[in-house]
Amino acid sequence: IGSLLPFGSQYRPAAVTLGVIGMYAGLLAGGTAMLSSRFTQRIWWPIHKAAAVTLILVWAHGVWAGNDTPVLAWLYLVTGVATALLAVSRYVARTPSDRVEELADRPDVHAVTVAAPISSVPEYSLHH
């Protein structure tokens, strides 16, 4: 029961509950990944973000509930630091929409460009 029901375990109930919730979040992320072609991205993407939650919950579960934590401390440290660095790099990275916003805020971009009159554009034929 403790491996399926939050706070159902008598052994470190809070830490085991993190693993239980992480398991359900992982099933949700995996299920939505398999069915991603059947959902619109607007529906699929927010649900699939459960994968990040899964990693955090399972990591915390392993650190706080595992009886092998002292032996695997280096693994928890490496995966925790690597995940944190990747998350930070992901969220500080500039995206195309960031670039559009930067350009929209520049005063020189708002200058009006006057197109040349059509009569001044040389005509080309397909035969040249």
C-alpha atoms as a PDB file:
ATOM      1  CA  ILE A   1       0.000   0.000   0.000  1.00  0.00           C
ATOM      2  CA  GLY A   2       2.817   2.391   0.875  1.00  0.00           C
ATOM      3  CA  SER A   3       4.274   2.190  -2.608  1.00  0.00           C
ATOM      4  CA  LEU A   4       0.976   3.182  -4.229  1.00  0.00           C
ATOM      5  CA  LEU A   5      -0.745   5.479  -1.748  1.00  0.00           C
ATOM      6  CA  PRO A   6       0.771   8.783  -0.562  1.00  0.00           C
ATOM      7  CA  PHE A   7       1.573   8.654   3.176  1.00  0.00           C
ATOM      8  CA  GLY A   8       0.668   4.946   3.173  1.00  0.00           C
ATOM      9  CA  SER A   9       4.171   3.842   4.125  1.00  0.00           C
ATOM     10  CA  GLN A  10       5.311   3.512   7.699  1.00  0.00           C
ATOM     11  CA  TYR A  11       8.954   3.869   6.648  1.00  0.00           C
ATOM     12  CA  ARG A  12       9.789   7.566   6.236  1.00  0.00           C
ATOM     13  CA  PRO A  13       6.280   8.426   5.013  1.00  0.00           C
ATOM     14  CA  ALA A  14       7.068  11.904   3.656  1.00  0.00           C
ATOM     15  CA  ALA A  15      10.119  10.740   1.694  1.00  0.00           C
ATOM     16  CA  VAL A  16       8.335   7.664   0.335  1.00  0.00           C
ATOM     17  CA  THR A  17       5.367   9.838  -0.643  1.00  0.00           C
ATOM     18  CA  LEU A  18       7.710  11.929  -2.806  1.00  0.00           C
ATOM     19  CA  GLY A  19       8.578   8.738  -4.677  1.00  0.00           C
ATOM     20  CA  VAL A  20       4.929   7.718  -5.005  1.00  0.00           C
ATOM     21  CA  ILE A  21       3.947  11.110  -6.431  1.00  0.00           C
ATOM     22  CA  GLY A  22       7.063  11.023  -8.625  1.00  0.00           C
ATOM     23  CA  MET A  23       5.982   7.639  -9.971  1.00  0.00           C
ATOM     24  CA  TYR A  24       2.544   8.983 -10.904  1.00  0.00           C
ATOM     25  CA  ALA A  25       4.086  12.103 -12.460  1.00  0.00           C
ATOM     26  CA  GLY A  26       6.443   9.865 -14.461  1.00  0.00           C
ATOM     27  CA  LEU A  27       3.554   7.740 -15.697  1.00  0.00           C
ATOM     28  CA  LEU A  28       1.709  10.903 -16.713  1.00  0.00           C
ATOM     29  CA  ALA A  29       4.758  12.290 -18.547  1.00  0.00           C
ATOM     30  CA  GLY A  30       5.440   8.960 -20.270  1.00  0.00           C
ATOM     31  CA  GLY A  31       1.814   8.476 -21.246  1.00  0.00           C
ATOM     32  CA  THR A  32       1.552  11.942 -22.716  1.00  0.00           C
ATOM     33  CA  ALA A  33       4.827  11.441 -24.583  1.00  0.00           C
ATOM     34  CA  MET A  34       3.433   8.302 -26.209  1.00  0.00           C
ATOM     35  CA  LEU A  35       0.219  10.107 -27.127  1.00  0.00           C
ATOM     36  CA  SER A  36       1.763  13.453 -28.068  1.00  0.00           C
ATOM     37  CA  SER A  37       0.774  13.110 -31.719  1.00  0.00           C
ATOM     38  CA  ARG A  38      -2.878  12.805 -30.707  1.00  0.00           C
ATOM     39  CA  PHE A  39      -2.978  16.015 -28.659  1.00  0.00           C
ATOM     40  CA  THR A  40      -2.400  19.590 -29.682  1.00  0.00           C
ATOM     41  CA  GLN A  41       0.798  21.061 -28.305  1.00  0.00           C
ATOM     42  CA  ARG A  42      -1.282  23.489 -26.236  1.00  0.00           C
ATOM     43  CA  ILE A  43      -2.693  20.520 -24.313  1.00  0.00           C
ATOM     44  CA  TRP A  44       0.299  18.178 -24.424  1.00  0.00           C
ATOM     45  CA  TRP A  45       3.127  20.524 -23.420  1.00  0.00           C
ATOM     46  CA  PRO A  46       1.844  21.643 -19.990  1.00  0.00           C
ATOM     47  CA  ILE A  47       1.042  18.055 -19.042  1.00  0.00           C
ATOM     48  CA  HIS A  48       4.425  16.840 -20.268  1.00  0.00           C
ATOM     49  CA  LYS A  49       6.165  19.310 -17.979  1.00  0.00           C
ATOM     50  CA  ALA A  50       5.441  16.704 -15.319  1.00  0.00           C
ATOM     51  CA  ALA A  51       8.699  15.083 -16.449  1.00  0.00           C
ATOM     52  CA  ALA A  52      10.662  17.830 -14.685  1.00  0.00           C
ATOM     53  CA  VAL A  53       8.557  17.390 -11.567  1.00  0.00           C
ATOM     54  CA  THR A  54       9.180  13.654 -11.760  1.00  0.00           C
ATOM     55  CA  LEU A  55      12.934  14.108 -11.729  1.00  0.00           C
ATOM     56  CA  ILE A  56      12.821  16.429  -8.728  1.00  0.00           C
ATOM     57  CA  LEU A  57      10.473  14.201  -6.739  1.00  0.00           C
ATOM     58  CA  VAL A  58      12.350  10.976  -7.469  1.00  0.00           C
ATOM     59  CA  TRP A  59      15.691  12.659  -6.695  1.00  0.00           C
ATOM     60  CA  ALA A  60      14.381  13.920  -3.342  1.00  0.00           C
ATOM     61  CA  HIS A  61      12.863  10.502  -2.629  1.00  0.00           C
ATOM     62  CA  GLY A  62      16.208   8.820  -3.258  1.00  0.00           C
ATOM     63  CA  VAL A  63      18.118  11.256  -1.074  1.00  0.00           C
ATOM     64  CA  TRP A  64      15.713  11.157   1.888  1.00  0.00           C
ATOM     65  CA  ALA A  65      14.270   7.640   1.768  1.00  0.00           C
ATOM     66  CA  GLY A  66      17.121   5.561   0.418  1.00  0.00           C
ATOM     67  CA  ASN A  67      19.092   3.436   2.842  1.00  0.00           C
ATOM     68  CA  ASP A  68      21.918   3.424   0.282  1.00  0.00           C
ATOM     69  CA  THR A  69      22.155   7.230   0.168  1.00  0.00           C
ATOM     70  CA  PRO A  70      25.640   7.405   1.770  1.00  0.00           C
ATOM     71  CA  VAL A  71      27.054   5.056  -0.875  1.00  0.00           C
ATOM     72  CA  LEU A  72      25.372   6.953  -3.717  1.00  0.00           C
ATOM     73  CA  ALA A  73      25.936  10.464  -2.356  1.00  0.00           C
ATOM     74  CA  TRP A  74      28.254  11.309  -5.286  1.00  0.00           C
ATOM     75  CA  LEU A  75      25.546  10.223  -7.762  1.00  0.00           C
ATOM     76  CA  TYR A  76      22.924  12.385  -6.069  1.00  0.00           C
ATOM     77  CA  LEU A  77      25.333  15.311  -5.988  1.00  0.00           C
ATOM     78  CA  VAL A  78      26.283  14.992  -9.677  1.00  0.00           C
ATOM     79  CA  THR A  79      22.709  14.527 -10.900  1.00  0.00           C
ATOM     80  CA  GLY A  80      21.399  17.328  -8.677  1.00  0.00           C
ATOM     81  CA  VAL A  81      24.051  19.826  -9.793  1.00  0.00           C
ATOM     82  CA  ALA A  82      23.769  18.810 -13.469  1.00  0.00           C
ATOM     83  CA  THR A  83      19.991  19.138 -13.387  1.00  0.00           C
ATOM     84  CA  ALA A  84      20.163  22.525 -11.689  1.00  0.00           C
ATOM     85  CA  LEU A  85      22.722  23.801 -14.228  1.00  0.00           C
ATOM     86  CA  LEU A  86      20.665  22.557 -17.159  1.00  0.00           C
ATOM     87  CA  ALA A  87      17.509  24.128 -15.738  1.00  0.00           C
ATOM     88  CA  VAL A  88      19.242  27.466 -15.206  1.00  0.00           C
ATOM     89  CA  SER A  89      20.761  27.404 -18.707  1.00  0.00           C
ATOM     90  CA  ARG A  90      17.355  26.580 -20.161  1.00  0.00           C
ATOM     91  CA  TYR A  91      15.566  29.412 -18.431  1.00  0.00           C
ATOM     92  CA  VAL A  92      18.210  32.103 -19.002  1.00  0.00           C
ATOM     93  CA  ALA A  93      18.684  31.243 -22.676  1.00  0.00           C
ATOM     94  CA  ARG A  94      17.430  33.821 -25.126  1.00  0.00           C
ATOM     95  CA  THR A  95      14.605  32.680 -27.330  1.00  0.00           C
ATOM     96  CA  PRO A  96      13.412  34.111 -30.645  1.00  0.00           C
ATOM     97  CA  SER A  97      10.530  35.801 -28.812  1.00  0.00           C
ATOM     98  CA  ASP A  98      13.078  37.481 -26.499  1.00  0.00           C
ATOM     99  CA  ARG A  99      14.857  38.847 -29.562  1.00  0.00           C
ATOM    100  CA  VAL A 100      11.567  40.172 -31.000  1.00  0.00           C
ATOM    101  CA  GLU A 101      10.843  41.936 -27.708  1.00  0.00           C
ATOM    102  CA  GLU A 102      14.332  43.476 -27.699  1.00  0.00           C
ATOM    103  CA  LEU A 103      13.852  44.751 -31.232  1.00  0.00           C
ATOM    104  CA  ALA A 104      10.407  46.099 -30.384  1.00  0.00           C
ATOM    105  CA  ASP A 105      11.902  48.094 -27.506  1.00  0.00           C
ATOM    106  CA  ARG A 106      14.600  49.740 -29.677  1.00  0.00           C
ATOM    107  CA  PRO A 107      13.667  53.252 -30.804  1.00  0.00           C
ATOM    108  CA  ASP A 108      15.533  52.990 -34.121  1.00  0.00           C
ATOM    109  CA  VAL A 109      13.399  50.011 -35.190  1.00  0.00           C
ATOM    110  CA  HIS A 110      10.234  52.084 -34.991  1.00  0.00           C
ATOM    111  CA  ALA A 111      11.392  54.457 -37.724  1.00  0.00           C
ATOM    112  CA  VAL A 112       9.075  54.534 -40.699  1.00  0.00           C
ATOM    113  CA  THR A 113      10.558  53.130 -43.874  1.00  0.00           C
ATOM    114  CA  VAL A 114       9.306  54.673 -47.084  1.00  0.00           C
ATOM    115  CA  ALA A 115       9.176  52.302 -50.024  1.00  0.00           C
ATOM    116  CA  ALA A 116      10.313  53.455 -53.442  1.00  0.00           C
ATOM    117  CA  PRO A 117       7.475  54.236 -55.826  1.00  0.00           C
ATOM    118  CA  ILE A 118       6.641  51.369 -58.124  1.00  0.00           C
ATOM    119  CA  SER A 119       7.397  53.494 -61.166  1.00  0.00           C
ATOM    120  CA  SER A 120      11.056  53.725 -60.103  1.00  0.00           C
ATOM    121  CA  VAL A 121      11.535  49.945 -59.883  1.00  0.00           C
ATOM    122  CA  PRO A 122      13.077  48.592 -63.086  1.00  0.00           C
ATOM    123  CA  GLU A 123      11.043  45.994 -64.873  1.00  0.00           C
ATOM    124  CA  TYR A 124      12.560  42.652 -65.700  1.00  0.00           C
ATOM    125  CA  SER A 125      11.223  40.188 -68.133  1.00  0.00           C
ATOM    126  CA  LEU A 126      11.613  36.466 -68.035  1.00  0.00           C
ATOM    127  CA  HIS A 127      13.554  36.595 -71.318  1.00  0.00           C
ATOM    128  CA  HIS A 128      16.677  38.317 -69.895  1.00  0.00           C
END
